[in-house]
Amino acid sequence: MSEVKLSAALRDTFGKGSARQARRDALTPGVIYGHGTDPKHVNVEAHGLMMALKTPNVLLSLDIAGGGTELVIPKAVQRHPLKRTISHVDFLIVKKGEKVTVEVPVVTEGELAAGGNLLETLLTTISVETEATHIPTEITVSIEGLEAGAAVHASDLKLPAGTTLAVDGETAVLQVVAPQAEEPAAEAEGETEGAEA
């Protein structure tokens, strides 16, 4: 994954008023931490950050005015409950070659076997350990031809080179279930008729 470069600036004012002003100025407040360093409070260009965060676990190179450059990944993103705009981001400092544990989206491809079976997704993301500068954007699993009763476990996922599971391999990711029969509705009708009698 290539890194996304964004400009940022250190901030020395805190609180809701300061955060609101930053957002009015098209900036997003955030904090950078990790590797035993003191936290750095920054404002990051809002539009560029919003676009970058559309990629899960994106690697960011923050060019901090007067504070050098930091290589980070987003660890916690707070959004406005109604507008869904980004209100604050926690960034974790990473180094090239360093391993990190992250949640990566699981994406399915293919079609289930005929018969009206349903796919039940148990996990939408999977926890993996991978190199900070090579975090996969997604992990694809084929469901082609799977029958009712089939399940895909974490150990069945094909992981990119250098990436390992951070969960038990027996963890179920998805399963195929048979469609529900129509019998319960018929039973309910019988009960209604009995009540009327």
Protein backbone atom coordinates (compact mmCIF):
# COMPACT_ATOMS: atom_id res chain seq x y z
CA MET A 1 0.00 0.00 0.00
CA SER A 2 1.45 3.38 -0.95
CA GLU A 3 1.34 6.11 1.65
CA VAL A 4 -0.94 9.13 1.33
CA LYS A 5 0.70 12.46 2.06
CA LEU A 6 -1.33 15.03 4.01
CA SER A 7 -0.43 18.37 5.51
CA ALA A 8 -0.98 18.99 9.21
CA ALA A 9 -0.18 21.61 11.82
CA LEU A 10 0.51 21.36 15.54
CA ARG A 11 -2.23 22.85 17.69
CA ASP A 12 -1.82 24.41 21.10
CA THR A 13 -5.46 25.21 21.86
CA PHE A 14 -7.86 22.55 23.07
CA GLY A 15 -11.52 22.09 23.91
CA LYS A 16 -14.77 22.08 21.97
CA GLY A 17 -14.48 25.73 20.86
CA SER A 18 -11.05 25.14 19.36
CA ALA A 19 -12.22 21.92 17.66
CA ARG A 20 -15.25 23.70 16.17
CA GLN A 21 -13.05 26.48 14.83
CA ALA A 22 -10.72 23.92 13.24
CA ARG A 23 -13.66 22.26 11.48
CA ARG A 24 -14.88 25.65 10.23
CA ASP A 25 -11.38 26.12 8.77
CA ALA A 26 -11.70 22.77 6.90
CA LEU A 27 -9.36 21.02 9.35
CA THR A 28 -9.86 17.86 11.42
CA PRO A 29 -8.42 17.69 14.96
CA GLY A 30 -6.35 14.64 15.82
CA VAL A 31 -3.69 13.26 18.12
CA ILE A 32 -0.53 11.34 17.17
CA TYR A 33 0.89 8.83 19.66
CA GLY A 34 3.04 5.72 19.88
CA HIS A 35 6.65 4.55 20.20
CA GLY A 36 6.94 6.11 23.65
CA THR A 37 6.68 9.67 22.30
CA ASP A 38 4.62 12.44 23.86
CA PRO A 39 1.26 12.81 22.12
CA LYS A 40 1.19 15.47 19.39
CA HIS A 41 -2.08 17.34 18.93
CA VAL A 42 -2.59 18.31 15.31
CA ASN A 43 -5.07 19.68 12.80
CA VAL A 44 -5.14 17.80 9.48
CA GLU A 45 -6.61 18.98 6.16
CA ALA A 46 -10.18 17.66 6.37
CA HIS A 47 -11.01 16.85 2.74
CA GLY A 48 -7.76 14.98 2.04
CA LEU A 49 -8.16 13.03 5.29
CA MET A 50 -11.78 12.13 4.51
CA MET A 51 -10.78 10.80 1.06
CA ALA A 52 -7.82 8.87 2.50
CA LEU A 53 -9.95 7.22 5.21
CA LYS A 54 -12.14 5.61 2.54
CA THR A 55 -9.32 3.04 2.38
CA PRO A 56 -9.25 0.90 5.56
CA ASN A 57 -5.96 1.09 7.54
CA VAL A 58 -4.55 3.64 5.11
CA LEU A 59 -0.89 4.54 5.63
CA LEU A 60 -0.54 8.30 6.06
CA SER A 61 2.52 10.49 5.88
CA LEU A 62 1.66 13.61 7.88
CA ASP A 63 3.78 16.60 6.95
CA ILE A 64 3.51 18.64 10.16
CA ALA A 65 4.31 22.33 9.80
CA GLY A 66 7.21 22.96 12.17
CA GLY A 67 7.08 19.37 13.46
CA GLY A 68 8.63 17.14 10.81
CA THR A 69 6.96 14.15 9.14
CA GLU A 70 5.24 11.25 10.85
CA LEU A 71 4.23 7.92 9.29
CA VAL A 72 0.91 6.90 10.90
CA ILE A 73 -2.17 4.74 10.55
CA PRO A 74 -5.63 5.76 11.84
CA LYS A 75 -6.53 3.86 15.02
CA ALA A 76 -9.79 5.52 16.11
CA VAL A 77 -12.08 7.69 13.97
CA GLN A 78 -14.86 9.65 15.65
CA ARG A 79 -17.75 10.77 13.45
CA HIS A 80 -20.63 13.17 13.97
CA PRO A 81 -23.65 10.97 14.87
CA LEU A 82 -25.95 12.59 12.30
CA LYS A 83 -23.80 14.25 9.65
CA ARG A 84 -21.25 11.35 9.68
CA THR A 85 -18.48 13.90 9.16
CA ILE A 86 -15.13 13.13 10.80
CA SER A 87 -14.79 15.00 14.09
CA HIS A 88 -11.52 13.57 15.48
CA VAL A 89 -8.88 10.96 14.61
CA ASP A 90 -6.31 9.13 16.73
CA PHE A 91 -3.17 8.30 14.72
CA LEU A 92 -0.66 5.59 15.66
CA ILE A 93 2.99 6.16 14.71
CA VAL A 94 4.45 3.27 12.69
CA LYS A 95 7.92 2.50 11.35
CA LYS A 96 8.85 0.78 8.10
CA GLY A 97 9.31 -2.96 8.72
CA GLU A 98 7.33 -2.85 11.97
CA LYS A 99 4.46 -5.30 12.52
CA VAL A 100 1.03 -4.00 13.54
CA THR A 101 -2.27 -5.71 14.38
CA VAL A 102 -5.21 -4.34 12.38
CA GLU A 103 -8.76 -5.24 11.34
CA VAL A 104 -9.01 -5.93 7.58
CA PRO A 105 -12.37 -6.17 5.73
CA VAL A 106 -13.42 -9.61 4.46
CA VAL A 107 -14.96 -9.54 0.96
CA THR A 108 -16.77 -12.46 -0.70
CA GLU A 109 -16.75 -13.41 -4.38
CA GLY A 110 -18.64 -16.05 -6.36
CA GLU A 111 -22.12 -17.58 -6.09
CA LEU A 112 -23.51 -20.14 -3.66
CA ALA A 113 -24.74 -23.51 -4.97
CA ALA A 114 -28.30 -23.45 -6.33
CA GLY A 115 -31.13 -24.08 -3.89
CA GLY A 116 -31.89 -20.71 -2.34
CA ASN A 117 -29.34 -21.06 0.45
CA LEU A 118 -28.39 -17.97 2.42
CA LEU A 119 -24.95 -16.62 3.30
CA GLU A 120 -24.60 -15.62 6.95
CA THR A 121 -21.68 -13.28 7.57
CA LEU A 122 -20.32 -13.74 11.10
CA LEU A 123 -17.30 -11.44 10.76
CA THR A 124 -17.05 -8.47 8.38
CA THR A 125 -13.40 -7.90 9.33
CA ILE A 126 -10.58 -10.18 10.46
CA SER A 127 -7.77 -9.29 12.85
CA VAL A 128 -4.32 -9.84 11.31
CA GLU A 129 -0.71 -9.01 12.07
CA THR A 130 1.13 -7.48 9.13
CA GLU A 131 3.90 -5.07 8.21
CA ALA A 132 2.80 -1.48 8.78
CA THR A 133 3.76 -0.40 5.28
CA HIS A 134 2.06 -3.40 3.57
CA ILE A 135 -1.38 -3.59 5.20
CA PRO A 136 -3.84 -5.37 2.87
CA THR A 137 -6.91 -3.28 2.01
CA GLU A 138 -9.15 -6.38 2.03
CA ILE A 139 -9.09 -10.17 2.17
CA THR A 140 -11.17 -11.94 -0.49
CA VAL A 141 -12.81 -15.33 0.08
CA SER A 142 -14.57 -17.42 -2.57
CA ILE A 143 -18.03 -18.78 -1.75
CA GLU A 144 -18.41 -20.36 -5.20
CA GLY A 145 -20.58 -23.50 -5.06
CA LEU A 146 -20.80 -23.70 -1.25
CA GLU A 147 -23.73 -25.83 -0.01
CA ALA A 148 -25.92 -25.42 3.09
CA GLY A 149 -23.94 -26.33 6.20
CA ALA A 150 -20.61 -25.16 4.76
CA ALA A 151 -18.54 -22.73 6.82
CA VAL A 152 -15.42 -20.68 6.17
CA HIS A 153 -13.01 -20.35 9.11
CA ALA A 154 -10.23 -17.85 9.65
CA SER A 155 -7.66 -20.54 8.78
CA ASP A 156 -9.32 -20.95 5.35
CA LEU A 157 -8.57 -17.35 4.34
CA LYS A 158 -5.77 -16.79 1.85
CA LEU A 159 -3.57 -14.11 3.43
CA PRO A 160 -0.97 -12.04 1.56
CA ALA A 161 2.71 -12.87 2.14
CA GLY A 162 3.95 -11.46 5.45
CA THR A 163 0.45 -11.36 6.97
CA THR A 164 -0.64 -13.76 9.74
CA LEU A 165 -3.89 -14.28 11.65
CA ALA A 166 -4.26 -12.52 15.00
CA VAL A 167 -7.29 -14.69 15.89
CA ASP A 168 -7.84 -18.42 16.43
CA GLY A 169 -7.85 -20.25 13.08
CA GLU A 170 -11.08 -22.04 14.11
CA THR A 171 -12.97 -18.72 14.29
CA ALA A 172 -15.96 -18.91 11.92
CA VAL A 173 -16.05 -16.05 9.40
CA LEU A 174 -19.16 -17.02 7.43
CA GLN A 175 -21.52 -19.94 6.97
CA VAL A 176 -24.15 -21.11 4.50
CA VAL A 177 -27.61 -21.82 5.89
CA ALA A 178 -30.64 -23.47 4.25
CA PRO A 179 -33.66 -21.24 3.63
CA GLN A 180 -36.33 -21.28 6.36
CA ALA A 181 -39.31 -23.56 5.61
CA GLU A 182 -42.79 -22.06 5.41
CA GLU A 183 -44.19 -24.44 8.09
CA PRO A 184 -44.23 -21.94 11.01
CA ALA A 185 -46.74 -19.75 9.11
CA ALA A 186 -49.02 -22.76 8.50
CA GLU A 187 -48.84 -23.66 12.21
CA ALA A 188 -49.75 -20.09 13.14
CA GLU A 189 -52.85 -20.31 10.90
CA GLY A 190 -53.89 -23.53 12.63
CA GLU A 191 -53.53 -21.88 16.03
CA THR A 192 -55.70 -18.96 14.88
CA GLU A 193 -58.43 -21.31 13.66
CA GLY A 194 -58.33 -23.19 16.97
CA ALA A 195 -58.70 -19.91 18.88
CA GLU A 196 -61.74 -18.95 16.76
CA ALA A 197 -63.38 -22.33 17.36
